[in-house]
Protein backbone atom coordinates (compact mmCIF):
# COMPACT_ATOMS: atom_id res chain seq x y z
CA MET A 1 -28.95 28.53 13.28
CA LYS A 2 -29.85 25.51 11.11
CA SER A 3 -31.78 22.61 12.59
CA LEU A 4 -29.99 19.63 14.12
CA SER A 5 -28.96 16.78 11.84
CA LYS A 6 -29.91 13.18 12.62
CA GLU A 7 -26.35 12.42 13.76
CA GLU A 8 -26.26 15.52 15.98
CA LYS A 9 -29.55 14.52 17.62
CA SER A 10 -28.36 10.95 18.22
CA TRP A 11 -25.07 12.18 19.67
CA ILE A 12 -26.90 14.54 22.03
CA LEU A 13 -29.35 11.82 23.10
CA TYR A 14 -26.52 9.53 24.21
CA ASP A 15 -25.65 12.13 26.84
CA VAL A 16 -29.09 11.62 28.39
CA GLY A 17 -28.34 7.95 29.03
CA SER A 18 -24.76 8.40 30.24
CA SER A 19 -25.77 11.39 32.38
CA THR A 20 -28.27 9.13 34.14
CA PHE A 21 -25.32 6.99 35.25
CA VAL A 22 -23.35 10.01 36.47
CA LEU A 23 -26.29 11.58 38.30
CA ILE A 24 -27.40 8.46 40.13
CA MET A 25 -24.33 6.22 40.33
CA VAL A 26 -21.61 8.84 40.85
CA THR A 27 -23.24 11.96 42.28
CA SER A 28 -26.34 11.06 44.27
CA LEU A 29 -27.56 7.54 45.12
CA MET A 30 -24.35 5.52 44.97
CA PRO A 31 -22.30 7.59 47.47
CA ILE A 32 -25.15 7.29 50.01
CA PHE A 33 -25.61 3.57 49.28
CA PHE A 34 -21.87 3.03 49.71
CA LYS A 35 -21.68 4.91 53.01
CA GLU A 36 -24.90 3.63 54.61
CA THR A 37 -25.21 0.09 53.22
CA ALA A 38 -21.98 -1.22 51.71
CA SER A 39 -19.87 0.48 54.43
CA PHE A 40 -22.20 -0.49 57.26
CA GLY A 41 -20.17 -0.41 60.49
CA VAL A 42 -17.27 1.59 58.99
CA PRO A 43 -16.47 5.02 60.57
CA GLN A 44 -17.83 7.97 58.54
CA HIS A 45 -14.52 9.64 57.69
CA ILE A 46 -13.02 6.25 56.69
CA SER A 47 -15.91 5.45 54.34
CA THR A 48 -15.65 8.92 52.75
CA ALA A 49 -11.93 8.34 52.21
CA ASN A 50 -12.58 4.87 50.72
CA TRP A 51 -15.08 6.39 48.31
CA GLY A 52 -12.41 8.87 47.21
CA PHE A 53 -9.88 6.06 46.77
CA ALA A 54 -12.36 4.05 44.65
CA ASN A 55 -12.91 6.96 42.27
CA SER A 56 -9.15 7.58 42.08
CA PHE A 57 -8.41 3.93 41.25
CA ALA A 58 -10.96 3.90 38.42
CA SER A 59 -9.37 7.06 37.06
CA ILE A 60 -5.86 5.56 37.18
CA ILE A 61 -6.93 2.61 35.04
CA LEU A 62 -8.64 4.87 32.48
CA ALA A 63 -5.68 7.23 32.42
CA ILE A 64 -3.41 4.35 31.43
CA LEU A 65 -5.75 2.88 28.82
CA SER A 66 -7.14 6.08 27.23
CA PRO A 67 -4.34 7.04 24.79
CA ILE A 68 -3.76 3.41 23.77
CA MET A 69 -7.45 2.89 22.98
CA GLY A 70 -7.57 6.26 21.26
CA THR A 71 -4.85 5.45 18.74
CA ILE A 72 -6.50 2.14 17.84
CA ALA A 73 -9.98 3.72 17.61
CA ASP A 74 -8.80 6.33 15.06
CA VAL A 75 -8.61 3.44 12.58
CA LYS A 76 -11.62 3.25 10.27
CA GLY A 77 -14.59 1.51 11.90
CA TYR A 78 -13.09 1.06 15.36
CA LYS A 79 -14.40 4.14 17.15
CA LYS A 80 -18.00 2.93 17.24
CA ARG A 81 -16.94 -0.57 18.32
CA PHE A 82 -15.10 0.81 21.34
CA LEU A 83 -18.05 3.06 22.19
CA GLY A 84 -20.40 0.07 22.14
CA PHE A 85 -18.07 -2.18 24.15
CA PHE A 86 -17.52 0.24 27.02
CA THR A 87 -21.18 1.26 27.11
CA GLY A 88 -22.11 -2.41 27.46
CA LEU A 89 -19.48 -2.93 30.16
CA GLY A 90 -20.87 -0.04 32.19
CA ILE A 91 -24.46 -1.24 31.88
CA VAL A 92 -23.63 -4.82 32.92
CA ALA A 93 -21.56 -3.63 35.91
CA THR A 94 -24.43 -1.36 36.99
CA LEU A 95 -26.75 -4.36 37.04
CA ALA A 96 -24.11 -6.30 39.02
CA MET A 97 -24.68 -3.84 41.88
CA LEU A 98 -27.87 -5.80 42.61
CA SER A 99 -25.67 -8.35 44.43
CA ILE A 100 -24.33 -5.88 47.04
CA GLY A 101 -25.64 -6.07 50.60
CA LYS A 102 -24.77 -4.60 54.00
CA GLY A 103 -21.08 -4.50 54.86
CA MET A 104 -19.93 -5.55 51.35
CA TRP A 105 -17.88 -2.39 50.85
CA LEU A 106 -14.95 -4.05 49.04
CA ALA A 107 -17.12 -5.88 46.52
CA CYS A 108 -19.06 -2.66 46.03
CA ILE A 109 -15.85 -0.78 45.23
CA VAL A 110 -14.74 -3.42 42.70
CA ILE A 111 -18.05 -3.41 40.82
CA PHE A 112 -18.30 0.38 40.95
CA VAL A 113 -14.78 0.72 39.53
CA VAL A 114 -15.72 -1.54 36.60
CA ALA A 115 -18.94 0.43 36.00
CA ARG A 116 -17.09 3.73 36.08
CA ILE A 117 -14.45 2.38 33.68
CA GLY A 118 -17.30 1.46 31.32
CA TYR A 119 -18.83 4.93 31.56
CA SER A 120 -15.55 6.84 31.28
CA GLY A 121 -14.17 4.59 28.55
CA ALA A 122 -17.31 5.10 26.45
CA ASN A 123 -17.03 8.84 26.96
CA ILE A 124 -13.58 8.93 25.32
CA PHE A 125 -15.10 7.77 22.04
CA TYR A 126 -18.33 9.69 22.51
CA ASP A 127 -16.36 12.94 22.96
CA ALA A 128 -14.16 12.11 19.95
CA PHE A 129 -17.26 11.67 17.76
CA LEU A 130 -17.95 15.40 18.21
CA VAL A 131 -15.68 16.21 15.26
CA ASP A 132 -17.53 13.62 13.14
CA VAL A 133 -21.09 14.79 13.81
CA THR A 134 -20.67 18.56 13.40
CA ASP A 135 -18.32 21.30 12.17
CA LYS A 136 -16.20 23.75 14.15
CA ASP A 137 -18.68 26.62 13.84
CA ARG A 138 -21.33 24.55 15.63
CA MET A 139 -19.14 22.72 18.15
CA ASN A 140 -19.87 25.01 21.11
CA TRP A 141 -23.61 24.68 20.59
CA ILE A 142 -23.65 20.91 19.96
CA SER A 143 -21.28 20.18 22.85
CA ALA A 144 -23.34 22.36 25.20
CA SER A 145 -26.57 20.78 23.92
CA GLY A 146 -25.21 17.35 24.87
CA TYR A 147 -24.57 18.45 28.43
CA ALA A 148 -27.80 20.49 28.64
CA TRP A 149 -30.12 17.71 27.44
CA GLY A 150 -28.13 15.26 29.51
CA TYR A 151 -28.97 17.31 32.59
CA ILE A 152 -32.65 17.80 31.89
CA GLY A 153 -33.22 14.35 30.36
CA SER A 154 -31.72 12.49 33.31
CA VAL A 155 -34.24 14.24 35.57
CA ILE A 156 -36.86 11.69 34.45
CA PRO A 157 -35.06 8.56 35.74
CA PHE A 158 -33.84 10.55 38.74
CA CYS A 159 -37.44 11.42 39.70
CA MET A 160 -38.34 7.75 39.29
CA VAL A 161 -35.49 6.85 41.66
CA ILE A 162 -36.60 9.49 44.18
CA GLY A 163 -40.14 8.11 44.03
CA VAL A 164 -38.91 4.56 44.66
CA ILE A 165 -36.73 5.70 47.57
CA PHE A 166 -39.48 7.76 49.26
CA TRP A 167 -42.01 4.95 48.82
CA SER A 168 -39.55 2.43 50.30
CA ILE A 169 -38.79 4.71 53.25
CA SER A 170 -42.49 5.04 54.03
CA SER A 171 -42.83 1.25 53.86
CA GLN A 172 -39.70 0.63 55.94
CA PRO A 173 -39.42 3.48 58.46
CA GLY A 174 -36.06 3.81 60.16
CA GLU A 175 -33.96 3.14 57.03
CA SER A 176 -32.75 6.21 55.12
CA LEU A 177 -32.02 4.12 52.00
CA PRO A 178 -33.63 0.66 51.90
CA ILE A 179 -31.65 -1.89 49.88
CA ILE A 180 -34.65 -2.73 47.68
CA ALA A 181 -34.94 0.93 46.63
CA ALA A 182 -31.27 1.06 45.69
CA ARG A 183 -31.55 -2.13 43.64
CA VAL A 184 -34.59 -0.90 41.71
CA SER A 185 -32.67 2.32 41.07
CA PHE A 186 -29.72 0.40 39.58
CA VAL A 187 -32.09 -1.30 37.13
CA ILE A 188 -33.58 2.08 36.13
CA VAL A 189 -30.09 3.44 35.39
CA ALA A 190 -29.17 0.44 33.23
CA ILE A 191 -32.41 0.62 31.22
CA PHE A 192 -32.14 4.34 30.49
CA TRP A 193 -28.47 4.13 29.55
CA PHE A 194 -29.20 1.24 27.16
CA MET A 195 -32.23 2.95 25.57
CA PHE A 196 -30.43 6.20 24.80
CA SER A 197 -27.34 4.47 23.45
CA ILE A 198 -29.33 2.81 20.65
CA PRO A 199 -29.77 5.89 18.37
CA VAL A 200 -26.07 6.79 18.37
CA MET A 201 -25.05 3.21 17.59
CA LEU A 202 -27.51 3.07 14.66
CA THR A 203 -26.86 6.46 13.04
CA ILE A 204 -23.42 7.86 13.87
CA GLN A 205 -20.58 7.44 11.37
CA GLN A 206 -16.83 7.95 11.69
CA ARG A 207 -16.07 10.63 9.08
CA PHE A 208 -12.45 11.24 10.05
CA PHE A 209 -10.13 8.25 10.34
CA ILE A 210 -6.92 6.62 9.22
CA GLU A 211 -6.89 3.45 7.15
CA LYS A 212 -6.27 0.16 8.92
CA PRO A 213 -2.54 -0.65 8.96
CA LYS A 214 -1.20 -4.18 8.46
CA ARG A 215 0.05 -4.31 12.06
CA LEU A 216 -2.79 -2.66 13.97
CA ILE A 217 -1.48 -2.92 17.54
CA GLN A 218 2.20 -2.31 16.76
CA ASP A 219 1.49 0.66 14.48
CA SER A 220 -0.90 2.13 17.06
CA PHE A 221 1.83 2.11 19.69
CA ILE A 222 4.24 3.71 17.22
CA ARG A 223 1.74 6.50 16.44
CA LEU A 224 1.09 6.96 20.16
CA TYR A 225 4.82 7.28 20.82
CA LYS A 226 5.26 9.81 18.00
CA THR A 227 2.30 11.90 19.16
CA PHE A 228 3.49 11.85 22.76
CA LYS A 229 7.02 12.71 21.65
CA ASN A 230 5.85 15.62 19.52
CA ILE A 231 2.88 16.81 21.57
CA ARG A 232 4.76 19.90 22.69
CA SER A 233 4.97 20.91 19.03
CA TYR A 234 1.18 21.30 19.25
CA LYS A 235 1.71 24.16 21.70
CA PRO A 236 -1.92 25.35 22.11
CA VAL A 237 -3.06 21.74 22.61
CA PHE A 238 -0.30 21.01 25.13
CA LEU A 239 -0.92 24.16 27.17
CA PHE A 240 -4.66 23.64 27.18
CA LEU A 241 -4.26 20.06 28.41
CA LEU A 242 -2.12 21.29 31.29
CA ALA A 243 -4.71 23.95 32.18
CA TYR A 244 -7.53 21.44 31.86
CA PHE A 245 -5.67 18.99 34.11
CA PHE A 246 -5.77 21.44 36.99
CA TYR A 247 -9.15 23.16 36.77
CA ILE A 248 -11.17 20.06 35.83
CA ASP A 249 -9.61 18.32 38.84
CA GLY A 250 -11.46 20.71 41.12
CA VAL A 251 -14.70 20.46 39.13
CA ASP A 252 -14.74 16.65 39.09
CA THR A 253 -13.77 16.38 42.75
CA ILE A 254 -16.74 18.52 43.74
CA ILE A 255 -19.07 16.47 41.52
CA THR A 256 -17.73 13.15 42.83
CA MET A 257 -17.42 13.94 46.53
CA ALA A 258 -20.32 16.38 47.11
CA MET A 259 -22.85 13.85 48.44
CA ALA A 260 -20.37 12.09 50.70
CA TYR A 261 -19.14 15.45 52.00
CA GLY A 262 -22.68 16.74 52.53
CA SER A 263 -23.66 13.59 54.40
CA GLU A 264 -20.63 13.92 56.67
CA SER A 265 -21.50 17.60 57.27
CA GLY A 266 -24.87 16.59 58.72
CA LEU A 267 -27.20 17.28 55.79
CA LYS A 268 -30.22 15.01 55.41
CA MET A 269 -30.52 12.75 52.38
CA ASN A 270 -33.83 14.35 51.31
CA THR A 271 -32.22 17.80 51.18
CA MET A 272 -29.27 16.59 49.10
CA ILE A 273 -31.42 14.65 46.64
CA LEU A 274 -33.76 17.62 46.06
CA ALA A 275 -30.75 19.91 45.63
CA ILE A 276 -29.33 17.59 42.96
CA LEU A 277 -32.69 17.62 41.16
CA PHE A 278 -32.57 21.43 41.32
CA ILE A 279 -29.04 21.40 39.85
CA GLN A 280 -30.12 19.19 36.93
CA ILE A 281 -32.98 21.52 36.01
CA ILE A 282 -31.10 24.81 36.41
CA ALA A 283 -27.99 23.47 34.62
CA PHE A 284 -30.01 22.95 31.40
CA PRO A 285 -30.47 26.63 30.43
CA PHE A 286 -27.10 27.68 31.87
CA ALA A 287 -25.17 25.17 29.73
CA LEU A 288 -26.82 26.57 26.59
CA LEU A 289 -26.25 30.13 27.86
CA TYR A 290 -22.53 29.43 28.20
CA ALA A 291 -22.43 28.34 24.53
CA LYS A 292 -24.22 31.51 23.39
CA LEU A 293 -21.98 33.76 25.50
CA ALA A 294 -18.86 31.92 24.28
CA ASP A 295 -19.78 32.73 20.69
CA ARG A 296 -20.07 36.38 21.72
CA PHE A 297 -17.22 36.82 24.23
CA SER A 298 -14.95 33.83 23.31
CA ASP A 299 -14.53 30.34 24.73
CA LYS A 300 -11.65 31.34 26.98
CA THR A 301 -13.55 34.21 28.60
CA MET A 302 -16.38 31.91 29.63
CA LEU A 303 -13.94 29.26 30.84
CA TYR A 304 -12.32 31.90 33.07
CA PHE A 305 -15.75 32.81 34.41
CA GLY A 306 -16.60 29.18 35.18
CA ILE A 307 -13.28 28.62 36.94
CA SER A 308 -13.90 31.71 39.08
CA VAL A 309 -17.34 30.47 40.09
CA TYR A 310 -15.89 27.12 41.16
CA GLY A 311 -13.18 28.84 43.18
CA PHE A 312 -15.93 30.65 45.06
CA ILE A 313 -17.85 27.36 45.55
CA THR A 314 -14.76 25.76 47.09
CA THR A 315 -14.31 28.63 49.52
CA LEU A 316 -17.95 28.58 50.65
CA GLY A 317 -17.95 24.78 50.92
CA PHE A 318 -15.13 24.89 53.46
CA PHE A 319 -17.40 26.59 56.01
CA LEU A 320 -20.33 24.14 55.66
CA PRO A 321 -19.41 21.84 58.61
CA TYR A 322 -18.83 24.82 60.93
CA ILE A 323 -22.44 26.03 60.72
CA SER A 324 -24.28 24.67 63.72
CA ASP A 325 -27.75 25.96 62.85
CA GLN A 326 -29.37 23.40 60.54
CA SER A 327 -31.51 25.97 58.70
CA SER A 328 -28.47 28.13 57.89
CA LYS A 329 -26.55 25.06 56.77
CA VAL A 330 -29.35 24.09 54.39
CA ILE A 331 -29.50 27.65 52.97
CA LEU A 332 -25.75 27.61 52.28
CA PHE A 333 -26.07 24.22 50.63
CA TRP A 334 -28.78 25.57 48.31
CA ILE A 335 -26.58 28.55 47.42
CA LEU A 336 -23.74 26.17 46.59
CA SER A 337 -26.15 24.06 44.52
CA PHE A 338 -27.19 27.08 42.44
CA LEU A 339 -23.59 28.10 41.83
CA ILE A 340 -22.68 24.58 40.74
CA ALA A 341 -25.72 24.47 38.43
CA SER A 342 -24.75 27.79 36.84
CA SER A 343 -21.33 26.62 35.66
CA GLN A 344 -20.97 22.84 35.76
CA GLY A 345 -22.32 22.08 32.29
CA GLY A 346 -20.86 25.22 30.73
CA ILE A 347 -17.27 24.62 31.81
CA GLN A 348 -17.41 20.97 30.74
CA ALA A 349 -19.05 21.66 27.38
CA LEU A 350 -16.75 24.53 26.41
CA SER A 351 -13.66 22.57 27.46
CA ARG A 352 -14.70 19.76 25.11
CA SER A 353 -15.54 21.99 22.15
CA PHE A 354 -12.52 24.28 22.65
CA PHE A 355 -10.23 21.24 22.60
CA GLY A 356 -12.06 19.84 19.55
CA LYS A 357 -11.22 23.03 17.64
CA LEU A 358 -7.50 22.73 18.47
CA ILE A 359 -6.85 19.16 17.29
CA PRO A 360 -6.48 17.49 13.84
CA GLU A 361 -9.80 15.78 13.02
CA GLN A 362 -8.37 12.54 11.60
CA HIS A 363 -6.60 11.90 14.91
CA SER A 364 -9.50 13.04 17.09
CA THR A 365 -9.81 9.88 19.18
CA GLU A 366 -6.06 9.75 19.81
CA PHE A 367 -6.06 13.37 20.97
CA PHE A 368 -9.23 12.90 22.99
CA GLY A 369 -7.41 9.96 24.55
CA PHE A 370 -4.85 12.47 25.81
CA TYR A 371 -7.69 14.82 26.77
CA ASN A 372 -9.14 12.04 28.90
CA ILE A 373 -5.80 10.95 30.32
CA PHE A 374 -5.28 14.50 31.62
CA GLY A 375 -8.85 14.54 32.90
CA LYS A 376 -8.56 11.13 34.55
CA PHE A 377 -5.24 11.87 36.21
CA ALA A 378 -6.83 15.08 37.43
CA THR A 379 -9.67 13.11 39.05
CA ILE A 380 -7.06 11.00 40.78
CA VAL A 381 -5.49 13.98 42.50
CA GLY A 382 -8.60 15.69 43.88
CA PRO A 383 -10.40 12.76 45.55
CA LEU A 384 -7.06 11.28 46.67
CA LEU A 385 -6.01 14.60 48.20
CA MET A 386 -9.37 14.95 49.91
CA GLY A 387 -9.18 11.37 51.18
CA ILE A 388 -5.65 11.72 52.56
CA ILE A 389 -6.26 15.08 54.25
CA GLY A 390 -9.63 13.90 55.58
CA LYS A 391 -8.04 10.82 57.13
CA THR A 392 -5.08 12.77 58.51
CA THR A 393 -6.98 15.68 60.04
CA GLY A 394 -10.34 14.04 60.64
CA HIS A 395 -11.94 17.00 58.78
CA SER A 396 -12.81 16.62 55.07
CA ASN A 397 -13.38 20.38 54.63
CA TYR A 398 -9.62 20.99 54.71
CA GLY A 399 -9.37 18.74 51.67
CA ILE A 400 -12.08 20.80 49.99
CA LEU A 401 -10.22 24.05 50.71
CA SER A 402 -6.97 22.76 49.18
CA ILE A 403 -8.71 22.34 45.81
CA ILE A 404 -8.81 26.10 45.21
CA ILE A 405 -5.13 26.17 44.22
CA LEU A 406 -5.97 23.89 41.29
CA PHE A 407 -8.39 26.47 39.88
CA VAL A 408 -5.78 29.22 40.19
CA ILE A 409 -3.11 27.20 38.37
CA GLY A 410 -5.62 26.14 35.69
CA ALA A 411 -6.63 29.75 35.00
CA LEU A 412 -3.01 30.89 34.75
CA LEU A 413 -2.15 28.13 32.26
CA LEU A 414 -5.30 28.77 30.22
CA HIS A 415 -4.14 32.35 29.77
CA GLN A 416 -1.13 31.02 27.86
CA VAL A 417 -3.26 29.15 25.29
CA LYS A 418 -3.22 31.01 21.96
CA PRO A 419 -5.23 29.08 19.32
CA GLU A 420 -3.44 29.07 15.94
């Protein structure tokens, strides 16, 4: 395999910065900060539900905006502008978290929603640049490399955050997450995201595009309408988007809600943070392994495998709150962590590259807008379902168990995808 080009390297490096945001602000630190600081005085199951509603609301906004932004960004020169704007929005909103104190759960939700819109909006254009930086024969490897280096690279700021938290806890015994530690962590996230966005903004070029029309906004809506009207004529694309909608719902729900669910199940913060660090390290080789195996056994085969692993994770996760022995509970949590690490990056990377091979390159951002709208609507359903069932029953694990049906439907629909 030939060495990476400058554009490929820059594209991969961006994933390190954006993965820092996901790891700390979505998966690990932020859910704990929201539950223990911003939601101070709010019942546990209510704060878990509110966290699910916050993620769902951010996804709704992105789902509405994604295809509209995608059609405009397919115009020559616009894709990079949108990438820069949303990256900047996410970084500024992350720094705005410095203003949140105890009991400010509503303000925390508002700022977090803006930050997540920045991250997710930037990812639409980042994903769409995949067709510009490499060719179809290398898409699996480059896409997987982005996720893999994102996992391992974000370990550095994550370890810095862990160090700050542990030092703060030793200085302020009795607090599981001192506010000062959280605020320093927000600054670390913003700095790393900014640093690793610089290379892609300096080197990447939009190779596939359409020329700027005289009426940019009006013509963009017309193209969006035509694509939406005729999307079923792109049968493999349409079927894959339906499959992706269901199985990525389960994947993203587990990623988004894992820390809040673990905290509610009685796991200590130290255990969960170390498990996340373990996931980041183990996910690096497994993401690359998925790409290699996909080239040998096919993309679809490895997607089936990843979906199966996540179905098993969902089933095991249901029993976590019922284990009374703390040692046994921790062991199960580590097993779940390994299973997540083995497939998280692979299923995400292959979904992105498989979709990239199905779509017309000159309309990549428009189609990735639809890719993201299906993904964002999917992340509405999972957390919302978990929040509603958790509030209704008083037991979040029933919400976790219901997710398994999404993996089954996703696998069945994926079987119908026949690339032309």
